[in-house]
Amino acid sequence: MSDQEYIKSLIKEAELYRAQGLLGQSKDTFMKVLRFIKKDQQFRNQKKLIRTVVDKIKAMEKELAAIHEEAVVPELSQDVQDLVKNLFSFSKNKDVAEVEGAVALAKFGQYETALTEFHRLLKEGKEPLVAAKNIIRCHLALSSPNEAIDQFEQWVSVDVLSKGQLNNIRAFLQSVLEKKGIKAQLPVVEAPSETGETEEKEGEVLDISSVGVRLRSGSRKGSIAEFDVTFQSGNVISIVISSKESELVDSLELGIKLADMQFYSPIAIFRGCGIVSRKTKIKSGPKKGDYMLDIMVESG
């Protein structure tokens, strides 16, 4: 591939990211183009090309700033944060309960606080695989796939997670990125040693990246609606439904049992059932007005 073709491919990639709403990824790719142009003798004097790329970057920054302004989430007081963590921590296992509390904060839009909690849990060795995956989920919820990628690369370079756990997280992150149409060369992790028999025990509950729900009523009765899983804590998954899907929101009542669900994970597709255990309207952030549903996954 010639340098000119390489630049064209990067610009095409950046425009594709922008069309998908991945503004941070688009800006980073345009920055990559700009760095390449400035280093290449053939292009660094082409002022029109440079100006075009700079204008694209400025446009991305403007759009990102506007989204950030709209997405500012009111910071909860420490007392309220503690109350949220306590109300939504159900497990008798203290470590698992702490993870549930951190997930609850994320569901209430307190991503930065939740990230701090998950990093603390990871550092203390409390449910490290679950904590690490939820760190990735927080970055993705903040529309920061690059942060998620950088975080994984950092874990690979330090002795925080086992090789088995890193491979598990790599498969999870790769699956999510591919679903979003993001190409990324994630570092390859060596296979775990034969002695690492217990390192993935905490991952007994299969990680779920998306679900298919068979609709039981309304104009789409009998069809399958697919949703990305925003968060997962044990056998409870969280999905977001757009407020525009009012018929669907109304049909998924609290306590309803969802039969014949399809669950997609990085390693398998399986069927099962679920119960809508919580349904709340999102009051702030980029998903304001939409609904978050918690579904308790049951075996078929």
C-alpha atoms as a PDB file:
ATOM      1  CA  MET A   1       0.000   0.000   0.000  1.00  0.00           C
ATOM      2  CA  SER A   2       1.369   3.404  -0.989  1.00  0.00           C
ATOM      3  CA  ASP A   3       1.496   6.304   1.473  1.00  0.00           C
ATOM      4  CA  GLN A   4      -1.340   8.012  -0.374  1.00  0.00           C
ATOM      5  CA  GLU A   5      -3.521   4.895  -0.207  1.00  0.00           C
ATOM      6  CA  TYR A   6      -2.654   4.536   3.487  1.00  0.00           C
ATOM      7  CA  ILE A   7      -3.822   8.101   4.204  1.00  0.00           C
ATOM      8  CA  LYS A   8      -7.022   7.548   2.221  1.00  0.00           C
ATOM      9  CA  SER A   9      -7.750   4.348   4.165  1.00  0.00           C
ATOM     10  CA  LEU A  10      -7.243   6.134   7.492  1.00  0.00           C
ATOM     11  CA  ILE A  11      -9.534   9.000   6.485  1.00  0.00           C
ATOM     12  CA  LYS A  12     -12.170   6.506   5.337  1.00  0.00           C
ATOM     13  CA  GLU A  13     -11.833   4.689   8.672  1.00  0.00           C
ATOM     14  CA  ALA A  14     -12.183   7.964  10.601  1.00  0.00           C
ATOM     15  CA  GLU A  15     -15.308   8.944   8.643  1.00  0.00           C
ATOM     16  CA  LEU A  16     -16.793   5.501   9.313  1.00  0.00           C
ATOM     17  CA  TYR A  17     -16.226   5.935  13.055  1.00  0.00           C
ATOM     18  CA  ARG A  18     -17.884   9.351  12.879  1.00  0.00           C
ATOM     19  CA  ALA A  19     -20.898   7.943  11.039  1.00  0.00           C
ATOM     20  CA  GLN A  20     -21.285   5.352  13.812  1.00  0.00           C
ATOM     21  CA  GLY A  21     -21.147   8.048  16.486  1.00  0.00           C
ATOM     22  CA  LEU A  22     -17.692   6.977  17.716  1.00  0.00           C
ATOM     23  CA  LEU A  23     -16.377  10.523  17.813  1.00  0.00           C
ATOM     24  CA  GLY A  24     -13.388   9.857  20.077  1.00  0.00           C
ATOM     25  CA  GLN A  25     -12.210   7.039  17.833  1.00  0.00           C
ATOM     26  CA  SER A  26     -12.747   9.265  14.767  1.00  0.00           C
ATOM     27  CA  LYS A  27     -10.721  12.115  16.255  1.00  0.00           C
ATOM     28  CA  ASP A  28      -7.867   9.764  17.225  1.00  0.00           C
ATOM     29  CA  THR A  29      -7.732   8.392  13.683  1.00  0.00           C
ATOM     30  CA  PHE A  30      -7.642  11.894  12.166  1.00  0.00           C
ATOM     31  CA  MET A  31      -4.824  12.717  14.610  1.00  0.00           C
ATOM     32  CA  LYS A  32      -2.994   9.655  13.338  1.00  0.00           C
ATOM     33  CA  VAL A  33      -3.394  10.982   9.781  1.00  0.00           C
ATOM     34  CA  LEU A  34      -2.043  14.376  10.811  1.00  0.00           C
ATOM     35  CA  ARG A  35       1.011  12.885  12.524  1.00  0.00           C
ATOM     36  CA  PHE A  36       1.759  10.759   9.469  1.00  0.00           C
ATOM     37  CA  ILE A  37       1.431  13.736   7.092  1.00  0.00           C
ATOM     38  CA  LYS A  38       3.788  15.895   9.173  1.00  0.00           C
ATOM     39  CA  LYS A  39       6.434  13.178   9.208  1.00  0.00           C
ATOM     40  CA  ASP A  40       6.214  12.398   5.495  1.00  0.00           C
ATOM     41  CA  GLN A  41       8.255  14.652   3.206  1.00  0.00           C
ATOM     42  CA  GLN A  42       5.800  13.966   0.378  1.00  0.00           C
ATOM     43  CA  PHE A  43       2.771  15.387   2.207  1.00  0.00           C
ATOM     44  CA  ARG A  44       3.910  17.807   4.906  1.00  0.00           C
ATOM     45  CA  ASN A  45       3.893  20.771   2.517  1.00  0.00           C
ATOM     46  CA  GLN A  46       0.382  20.077   1.224  1.00  0.00           C
ATOM     47  CA  LYS A  47      -1.331  22.845   3.181  1.00  0.00           C
ATOM     48  CA  LYS A  48      -4.794  22.125   1.802  1.00  0.00           C
ATOM     49  CA  LEU A  49      -4.667  18.487   2.974  1.00  0.00           C
ATOM     50  CA  ILE A  50      -3.323  19.487   6.383  1.00  0.00           C
ATOM     51  CA  ARG A  51      -5.997  22.182   6.776  1.00  0.00           C
ATOM     52  CA  THR A  52      -8.732  19.695   5.852  1.00  0.00           C
ATOM     53  CA  VAL A  53      -7.548  17.187   8.447  1.00  0.00           C
ATOM     54  CA  VAL A  54      -7.149  19.895  11.127  1.00  0.00           C
ATOM     55  CA  ASP A  55     -10.693  21.111  10.393  1.00  0.00           C
ATOM     56  CA  LYS A  56     -11.950  17.540  10.825  1.00  0.00           C
ATOM     57  CA  ILE A  57     -10.211  17.286  14.190  1.00  0.00           C
ATOM     58  CA  LYS A  58     -11.669  20.625  15.318  1.00  0.00           C
ATOM     59  CA  ALA A  59     -15.134  19.455  14.250  1.00  0.00           C
ATOM     60  CA  MET A  60     -14.711  16.267  16.295  1.00  0.00           C
ATOM     61  CA  GLU A  61     -13.580  18.262  19.337  1.00  0.00           C
ATOM     62  CA  LYS A  62     -16.591  20.560  19.003  1.00  0.00           C
ATOM     63  CA  GLU A  63     -19.024  17.639  18.776  1.00  0.00           C
ATOM     64  CA  LEU A  64     -17.336  15.855  21.698  1.00  0.00           C
ATOM     65  CA  ALA A  65     -17.509  19.025  23.807  1.00  0.00           C
ATOM     66  CA  ALA A  66     -21.219  19.402  23.032  1.00  0.00           C
ATOM     67  CA  ILE A  67     -21.904  15.791  23.996  1.00  0.00           C
ATOM     68  CA  HIS A  68     -19.875  16.159  27.178  1.00  0.00           C
ATOM     69  CA  GLU A  69     -21.884  19.245  28.112  1.00  0.00           C
ATOM     70  CA  GLU A  70     -25.166  17.397  27.559  1.00  0.00           C
ATOM     71  CA  ALA A  71     -23.940  14.289  29.337  1.00  0.00           C
ATOM     72  CA  VAL A  72     -22.812  15.922  32.577  1.00  0.00           C
ATOM     73  CA  VAL A  73     -24.201  13.754  35.350  1.00  0.00           C
ATOM     74  CA  PRO A  74     -25.021  15.361  38.697  1.00  0.00           C
ATOM     75  CA  GLU A  75     -22.503  14.133  41.255  1.00  0.00           C
ATOM     76  CA  LEU A  76     -24.195  12.322  44.121  1.00  0.00           C
ATOM     77  CA  SER A  77     -23.165  13.200  47.659  1.00  0.00           C
ATOM     78  CA  GLN A  78     -21.070  10.652  49.538  1.00  0.00           C
ATOM     79  CA  ASP A  79     -24.063   9.759  51.721  1.00  0.00           C
ATOM     80  CA  VAL A  80     -26.248   9.088  48.686  1.00  0.00           C
ATOM     81  CA  GLN A  81     -23.477   7.079  47.010  1.00  0.00           C
ATOM     82  CA  ASP A  82     -23.136   4.937  50.138  1.00  0.00           C
ATOM     83  CA  LEU A  83     -26.913   4.471  50.215  1.00  0.00           C
ATOM     84  CA  VAL A  84     -26.972   3.373  46.555  1.00  0.00           C
ATOM     85  CA  LYS A  85     -24.158   0.862  47.151  1.00  0.00           C
ATOM     86  CA  ASN A  86     -25.909  -0.577  50.213  1.00  0.00           C
ATOM     87  CA  LEU A  87     -29.351  -0.782  48.621  1.00  0.00           C
ATOM     88  CA  PHE A  88     -28.096  -2.713  45.616  1.00  0.00           C
ATOM     89  CA  SER A  89     -25.601  -5.029  47.323  1.00  0.00           C
ATOM     90  CA  PHE A  90     -27.433  -8.290  47.829  1.00  0.00           C
ATOM     91  CA  SER A  91     -24.761 -10.988  48.088  1.00  0.00           C
ATOM     92  CA  LYS A  92     -23.731 -12.441  51.446  1.00  0.00           C
ATOM     93  CA  ASN A  93     -20.182 -12.644  50.080  1.00  0.00           C
ATOM     94  CA  LYS A  94     -18.556  -9.331  51.049  1.00  0.00           C
ATOM     95  CA  ASP A  95     -16.349  -9.108  47.944  1.00  0.00           C
ATOM     96  CA  VAL A  96     -19.258  -9.819  45.581  1.00  0.00           C
ATOM     97  CA  ALA A  97     -21.443  -7.323  47.473  1.00  0.00           C
ATOM     98  CA  GLU A  98     -18.798  -4.623  46.950  1.00  0.00           C
ATOM     99  CA  VAL A  99     -18.786  -5.353  43.209  1.00  0.00           C
ATOM    100  CA  GLU A 100     -22.600  -5.120  43.155  1.00  0.00           C
ATOM    101  CA  GLY A 101     -22.385  -1.750  44.906  1.00  0.00           C
ATOM    102  CA  ALA A 102     -19.893  -0.419  42.352  1.00  0.00           C
ATOM    103  CA  VAL A 103     -22.075  -1.678  39.481  1.00  0.00           C
ATOM    104  CA  ALA A 104     -25.057   0.122  41.050  1.00  0.00           C
ATOM    105  CA  LEU A 105     -23.112   3.401  41.037  1.00  0.00           C
ATOM    106  CA  ALA A 106     -22.354   2.926  37.323  1.00  0.00           C
ATOM    107  CA  LYS A 107     -26.041   2.288  36.608  1.00  0.00           C
ATOM    108  CA  PHE A 108     -26.846   5.610  38.272  1.00  0.00           C
ATOM    109  CA  GLY A 109     -24.396   7.333  35.918  1.00  0.00           C
ATOM    110  CA  GLN A 110     -21.619   7.729  38.494  1.00  0.00           C
ATOM    111  CA  TYR A 111     -19.034   6.225  36.128  1.00  0.00           C
ATOM    112  CA  GLU A 112     -15.962   7.992  37.509  1.00  0.00           C
ATOM    113  CA  THR A 113     -16.774   6.953  41.084  1.00  0.00           C
ATOM    114  CA  ALA A 114     -17.572   3.422  39.899  1.00  0.00           C
ATOM    115  CA  LEU A 115     -14.229   3.278  38.057  1.00  0.00           C
ATOM    116  CA  THR A 116     -12.422   4.277  41.241  1.00  0.00           C
ATOM    117  CA  GLU A 117     -14.267   1.525  43.123  1.00  0.00           C
ATOM    118  CA  PHE A 118     -13.518  -1.134  40.498  1.00  0.00           C
ATOM    119  CA  HIS A 119      -9.825  -0.171  40.409  1.00  0.00           C
ATOM    120  CA  ARG A 120      -9.700  -0.436  44.210  1.00  0.00           C
ATOM    121  CA  LEU A 121     -11.346  -3.864  44.132  1.00  0.00           C
ATOM    122  CA  LEU A 122      -8.923  -5.017  41.442  1.00  0.00           C
ATOM    123  CA  LYS A 123      -5.917  -3.759  43.407  1.00  0.00           C
ATOM    124  CA  GLU A 124      -7.159  -5.554  46.525  1.00  0.00           C
ATOM    125  CA  GLY A 125      -7.733  -8.781  44.596  1.00  0.00           C
ATOM    126  CA  LYS A 126     -11.495  -8.792  45.191  1.00  0.00           C
ATOM    127  CA  GLU A 127     -13.273 -10.495  42.280  1.00  0.00           C
ATOM    128  CA  PRO A 128     -10.503  -9.232  39.941  1.00  0.00           C
ATOM    129  CA  LEU A 129     -11.918 -10.658  36.704  1.00  0.00           C
ATOM    130  CA  VAL A 130     -15.371  -9.177  37.355  1.00  0.00           C
ATOM    131  CA  ALA A 131     -13.887  -5.846  38.464  1.00  0.00           C
ATOM    132  CA  ALA A 132     -11.642  -5.656  35.370  1.00  0.00           C
ATOM    133  CA  LYS A 133     -14.498  -6.364  32.964  1.00  0.00           C
ATOM    134  CA  ASN A 134     -16.631  -3.697  34.597  1.00  0.00           C
ATOM    135  CA  ILE A 135     -13.773  -1.206  34.224  1.00  0.00           C
ATOM    136  CA  ILE A 136     -13.902  -1.980  30.498  1.00  0.00           C
ATOM    137  CA  ARG A 137     -17.700  -1.592  30.518  1.00  0.00           C
ATOM    138  CA  CYS A 138     -17.467   1.805  32.226  1.00  0.00           C
ATOM    139  CA  HIS A 139     -15.070   3.091  29.564  1.00  0.00           C
ATOM    140  CA  LEU A 140     -17.385   1.826  26.827  1.00  0.00           C
ATOM    141  CA  ALA A 141     -20.413   3.381  28.544  1.00  0.00           C
ATOM    142  CA  LEU A 142     -18.490   6.666  28.486  1.00  0.00           C
ATOM    143  CA  SER A 143     -17.968   6.150  24.719  1.00  0.00           C
ATOM    144  CA  SER A 144     -14.228   5.762  25.293  1.00  0.00           C
ATOM    145  CA  PRO A 145     -13.191   2.582  23.456  1.00  0.00           C
ATOM    146  CA  ASN A 146      -9.595   3.848  23.252  1.00  0.00           C
ATOM    147  CA  GLU A 147      -9.471   4.093  27.048  1.00  0.00           C
ATOM    148  CA  ALA A 148     -10.705   0.508  27.259  1.00  0.00           C
ATOM    149  CA  ILE A 149      -8.011  -0.633  24.815  1.00  0.00           C
ATOM    150  CA  ASP A 150      -5.290   1.339  26.628  1.00  0.00           C
ATOM    151  CA  GLN A 151      -6.408  -0.124  29.937  1.00  0.00           C
ATOM    152  CA  PHE A 152      -6.140  -3.681  28.614  1.00  0.00           C
ATOM    153  CA  GLU A 153      -2.683  -2.976  27.190  1.00  0.00           C
ATOM    154  CA  GLN A 154      -1.622  -1.645  30.593  1.00  0.00           C
ATOM    155  CA  TRP A 155      -2.859  -4.798  32.353  1.00  0.00           C
ATOM    156  CA  VAL A 156      -0.869  -6.945  29.926  1.00  0.00           C
ATOM    157  CA  SER A 157       2.316  -5.051  30.835  1.00  0.00           C
ATOM    158  CA  VAL A 158       1.910  -5.320  34.621  1.00  0.00           C
ATOM    159  CA  ASP A 159       1.431  -8.209  37.021  1.00  0.00           C
ATOM    160  CA  VAL A 160      -2.153  -7.532  38.116  1.00  0.00           C
ATOM    161  CA  LEU A 161      -4.142 -10.275  36.406  1.00  0.00           C
ATOM    162  CA  SER A 162      -3.252 -13.854  35.558  1.00  0.00           C
ATOM    163  CA  LYS A 163      -2.716 -14.960  31.963  1.00  0.00           C
ATOM    164  CA  GLY A 164      -5.991 -16.869  32.068  1.00  0.00           C
ATOM    165  CA  GLN A 165      -7.867 -13.785  33.236  1.00  0.00           C
ATOM    166  CA  LEU A 166      -6.166 -11.602  30.616  1.00  0.00           C
ATOM    167  CA  ASN A 167      -7.144 -14.022  27.848  1.00  0.00           C
ATOM    168  CA  ASN A 168     -10.708 -14.003  29.172  1.00  0.00           C
ATOM    169  CA  ILE A 169     -10.813 -10.185  29.151  1.00  0.00           C
ATOM    170  CA  ARG A 170      -9.169 -10.034  25.722  1.00  0.00           C
ATOM    171  CA  ALA A 171     -11.871 -12.270  24.215  1.00  0.00           C
ATOM    172  CA  PHE A 172     -14.569 -10.172  25.898  1.00  0.00           C
ATOM    173  CA  LEU A 173     -13.139  -6.824  24.736  1.00  0.00           C
ATOM    174  CA  GLN A 174     -12.444  -8.086  21.205  1.00  0.00           C
ATOM    175  CA  SER A 175     -16.049  -9.295  20.927  1.00  0.00           C
ATOM    176  CA  VAL A 176     -17.491  -5.964  22.095  1.00  0.00           C
ATOM    177  CA  LEU A 177     -15.239  -3.902  19.814  1.00  0.00           C
ATOM    178  CA  GLU A 178     -16.057  -6.047  16.780  1.00  0.00           C
ATOM    179  CA  LYS A 179     -19.767  -5.652  17.488  1.00  0.00           C
ATOM    180  CA  LYS A 180     -19.266  -1.877  17.458  1.00  0.00           C
ATOM    181  CA  GLY A 181     -17.316  -2.088  14.194  1.00  0.00           C
ATOM    182  CA  ILE A 182     -14.038  -1.058  15.810  1.00  0.00           C
ATOM    183  CA  LYS A 183     -10.828  -2.662  14.548  1.00  0.00           C
ATOM    184  CA  ALA A 184      -8.129  -3.041  17.184  1.00  0.00           C
ATOM    185  CA  GLN A 185      -4.947  -5.070  17.440  1.00  0.00           C
ATOM    186  CA  LEU A 186      -5.089  -6.182  21.051  1.00  0.00           C
ATOM    187  CA  PRO A 187      -1.877  -7.590  22.560  1.00  0.00           C
ATOM    188  CA  VAL A 188      -1.655 -11.370  22.429  1.00  0.00           C
ATOM    189  CA  VAL A 189      -1.407 -13.011  25.834  1.00  0.00           C
ATOM    190  CA  GLU A 190       0.540 -16.216  26.391  1.00  0.00           C
ATOM    191  CA  ALA A 191      -1.520 -19.301  27.178  1.00  0.00           C
ATOM    192  CA  PRO A 192      -1.938 -19.936  30.928  1.00  0.00           C
ATOM    193  CA  SER A 193       0.202 -22.626  32.520  1.00  0.00           C
ATOM    194  CA  GLU A 194      -1.202 -26.048  33.307  1.00  0.00           C
ATOM    195  CA  THR A 195      -1.079 -25.201  37.016  1.00  0.00           C
ATOM    196  CA  GLY A 196      -3.501 -22.294  36.678  1.00  0.00           C
ATOM    197  CA  GLU A 197      -6.500 -24.490  37.471  1.00  0.00           C
ATOM    198  CA  THR A 198      -8.405 -22.048  39.665  1.00  0.00           C
ATOM    199  CA  GLU A 199      -7.686 -18.741  37.992  1.00  0.00           C
ATOM    200  CA  GLU A 200     -10.986 -18.572  36.127  1.00  0.00           C
ATOM    201  CA  LYS A 201     -13.293 -20.011  38.780  1.00  0.00           C
ATOM    202  CA  GLU A 202     -14.838 -16.618  39.404  1.00  0.00           C
ATOM    203  CA  GLY A 203     -15.881 -16.576  35.756  1.00  0.00           C
ATOM    204  CA  GLU A 204     -18.278 -19.501  36.241  1.00  0.00           C
ATOM    205  CA  VAL A 205     -21.195 -17.260  35.225  1.00  0.00           C
ATOM    206  CA  LEU A 206     -20.702 -16.974  31.466  1.00  0.00           C
ATOM    207  CA  ASP A 207     -20.023 -13.430  30.352  1.00  0.00           C
ATOM    208  CA  ILE A 208     -22.876 -12.099  28.191  1.00  0.00           C
ATOM    209  CA  SER A 209     -22.246  -9.364  25.622  1.00  0.00           C
ATOM    210  CA  SER A 210     -25.744  -9.136  24.102  1.00  0.00           C
ATOM    211  CA  VAL A 211     -29.173 -10.749  24.334  1.00  0.00           C
ATOM    212  CA  GLY A 212     -32.107 -11.508  22.093  1.00  0.00           C
ATOM    213  CA  VAL A 213     -35.602 -11.171  23.582  1.00  0.00           C
ATOM    214  CA  ARG A 214     -38.634 -12.732  21.889  1.00  0.00           C
ATOM    215  CA  LEU A 215     -41.443 -10.173  22.028  1.00  0.00           C
ATOM    216  CA  ARG A 216     -44.746 -11.473  23.377  1.00  0.00           C
ATOM    217  CA  SER A 217     -47.065  -8.605  22.490  1.00  0.00           C
ATOM    218  CA  GLY A 218     -47.488  -5.532  20.335  1.00  0.00           C
ATOM    219  CA  SER A 219     -46.974  -5.013  16.605  1.00  0.00           C
ATOM    220  CA  ARG A 220     -43.670  -6.945  16.693  1.00  0.00           C
ATOM    221  CA  LYS A 221     -45.053  -9.946  18.557  1.00  0.00           C
ATOM    222  CA  GLY A 222     -42.994 -13.091  17.896  1.00  0.00           C
ATOM    223  CA  SER A 223     -39.932 -11.235  16.594  1.00  0.00           C
ATOM    224  CA  ILE A 224     -36.548 -11.085  18.334  1.00  0.00           C
ATOM    225  CA  ALA A 225     -35.255  -7.754  19.669  1.00  0.00           C
ATOM    226  CA  GLU A 226     -31.493  -7.632  20.321  1.00  0.00           C
ATOM    227  CA  PHE A 227     -29.816  -5.505  22.985  1.00  0.00           C
ATOM    228  CA  ASP A 228     -26.208  -4.944  24.044  1.00  0.00           C
ATOM    229  CA  VAL A 229     -25.486  -5.765  27.675  1.00  0.00           C
ATOM    230  CA  THR A 230     -24.339  -2.593  29.423  1.00  0.00           C
ATOM    231  CA  PHE A 231     -23.361  -4.147  32.758  1.00  0.00           C
ATOM    232  CA  GLN A 232     -23.306  -7.590  34.328  1.00  0.00           C
ATOM    233  CA  SER A 233     -23.052  -8.681  37.946  1.00  0.00           C
ATOM    234  CA  GLY A 234     -23.234 -12.437  38.368  1.00  0.00           C
ATOM    235  CA  ASN A 235     -26.418 -13.666  36.694  1.00  0.00           C
ATOM    236  CA  VAL A 236     -27.968 -10.176  36.497  1.00  0.00           C
ATOM    237  CA  ILE A 237     -27.498  -8.294  33.227  1.00  0.00           C
ATOM    238  CA  SER A 238     -28.498  -4.711  32.394  1.00  0.00           C
ATOM    239  CA  ILE A 239     -29.752  -3.466  29.037  1.00  0.00           C
ATOM    240  CA  VAL A 240     -30.857  -0.020  27.845  1.00  0.00           C
ATOM    241  CA  ILE A 241     -34.042   0.476  25.823  1.00  0.00           C
ATOM    242  CA  SER A 242     -34.627   3.705  23.924  1.00  0.00           C
ATOM    243  CA  SER A 243     -37.546   5.841  25.059  1.00  0.00           C
ATOM    244  CA  LYS A 244     -38.650   5.827  21.415  1.00  0.00           C
ATOM    245  CA  GLU A 245     -39.491   2.134  21.858  1.00  0.00           C
ATOM    246  CA  SER A 246     -42.438   2.966  24.138  1.00  0.00           C
ATOM    247  CA  GLU A 247     -44.420  -0.118  23.130  1.00  0.00           C
ATOM    248  CA  LEU A 248     -41.453  -2.342  23.953  1.00  0.00           C
ATOM    249  CA  VAL A 249     -40.782  -0.556  27.266  1.00  0.00           C
ATOM    250  CA  ASP A 250     -44.413  -1.006  28.312  1.00  0.00           C
ATOM    251  CA  SER A 251     -44.438  -4.696  27.403  1.00  0.00           C
ATOM    252  CA  LEU A 252     -41.370  -5.519  29.516  1.00  0.00           C
ATOM    253  CA  GLU A 253     -43.035  -5.111  32.892  1.00  0.00           C
ATOM    254  CA  LEU A 254     -41.316  -5.604  36.217  1.00  0.00           C
ATOM    255  CA  GLY A 255     -41.429  -9.271  37.238  1.00  0.00           C
ATOM    256  CA  ILE A 256     -42.295 -10.587  33.777  1.00  0.00           C
ATOM    257  CA  LYS A 257     -40.609 -13.856  32.778  1.00  0.00           C
ATOM    258  CA  LEU A 258     -38.906 -13.794  29.396  1.00  0.00           C
ATOM    259  CA  ALA A 259     -38.888 -17.248  27.856  1.00  0.00           C
ATOM    260  CA  ASP A 260     -36.765 -18.409  24.937  1.00  0.00           C
ATOM    261  CA  MET A 261     -34.078 -15.726  25.302  1.00  0.00           C
ATOM    262  CA  GLN A 262     -30.889 -15.891  23.250  1.00  0.00           C
ATOM    263  CA  PHE A 263     -27.626 -15.068  24.999  1.00  0.00           C
ATOM    264  CA  TYR A 264     -24.455 -14.174  23.116  1.00  0.00           C
ATOM    265  CA  SER A 265     -21.024 -14.453  24.709  1.00  0.00           C
ATOM    266  CA  PRO A 266     -17.533 -14.292  23.176  1.00  0.00           C
ATOM    267  CA  ILE A 267     -17.344 -18.099  23.251  1.00  0.00           C
ATOM    268  CA  ALA A 268     -20.904 -19.366  22.813  1.00  0.00           C
ATOM    269  CA  ILE A 269     -24.521 -18.681  21.937  1.00  0.00           C
ATOM    270  CA  PHE A 270     -27.101 -20.288  24.203  1.00  0.00           C
ATOM    271  CA  ARG A 271     -30.776 -20.121  25.123  1.00  0.00           C
ATOM    272  CA  GLY A 272     -32.409 -19.581  28.473  1.00  0.00           C
ATOM    273  CA  CYS A 273     -34.951 -17.554  30.392  1.00  0.00           C
ATOM    274  CA  GLY A 274     -34.866 -14.328  32.352  1.00  0.00           C
ATOM    275  CA  ILE A 275     -36.939 -12.273  34.756  1.00  0.00           C
ATOM    276  CA  VAL A 276     -37.141  -8.468  34.611  1.00  0.00           C
ATOM    277  CA  SER A 277     -35.970  -7.669  38.154  1.00  0.00           C
ATOM    278  CA  ARG A 278     -35.631  -3.886  37.880  1.00  0.00           C
ATOM    279  CA  LYS A 279     -36.822  -1.181  35.511  1.00  0.00           C
ATOM    280  CA  THR A 280     -35.763   2.446  35.871  1.00  0.00           C
ATOM    281  CA  LYS A 281     -35.895   5.576  33.741  1.00  0.00           C
ATOM    282  CA  ILE A 282     -32.478   7.150  33.195  1.00  0.00           C
ATOM    283  CA  LYS A 283     -32.637  10.738  34.453  1.00  0.00           C
ATOM    284  CA  SER A 284     -29.290  12.123  33.300  1.00  0.00           C
ATOM    285  CA  GLY A 285     -26.394  11.574  30.926  1.00  0.00           C
ATOM    286  CA  PRO A 286     -26.323  10.661  27.222  1.00  0.00           C
ATOM    287  CA  LYS A 287     -29.110   8.084  27.715  1.00  0.00           C
ATOM    288  CA  LYS A 288     -31.423  10.476  29.548  1.00  0.00           C
ATOM    289  CA  GLY A 289     -35.064   9.488  29.065  1.00  0.00           C
ATOM    290  CA  ASP A 290     -34.233   5.915  28.086  1.00  0.00           C
ATOM    291  CA  TYR A 291     -34.899   2.920  30.330  1.00  0.00           C
ATOM    292  CA  MET A 292     -32.489   0.523  32.023  1.00  0.00           C
ATOM    293  CA  LEU A 293     -33.726  -2.994  32.655  1.00  0.00           C
ATOM    294  CA  ASP A 294     -32.083  -5.514  34.938  1.00  0.00           C
ATOM    295  CA  ILE A 295     -32.719  -9.106  33.870  1.00  0.00           C
ATOM    296  CA  MET A 296     -32.000 -12.041  36.143  1.00  0.00           C
ATOM    297  CA  VAL A 297     -30.773 -14.859  33.909  1.00  0.00           C
ATOM    298  CA  GLU A 298     -32.142 -18.337  34.584  1.00  0.00           C
ATOM    299  CA  SER A 299     -31.233 -21.625  33.009  1.00  0.00           C
ATOM    300  CA  GLY A 300     -33.549 -22.887  30.305  1.00  0.00           C
END
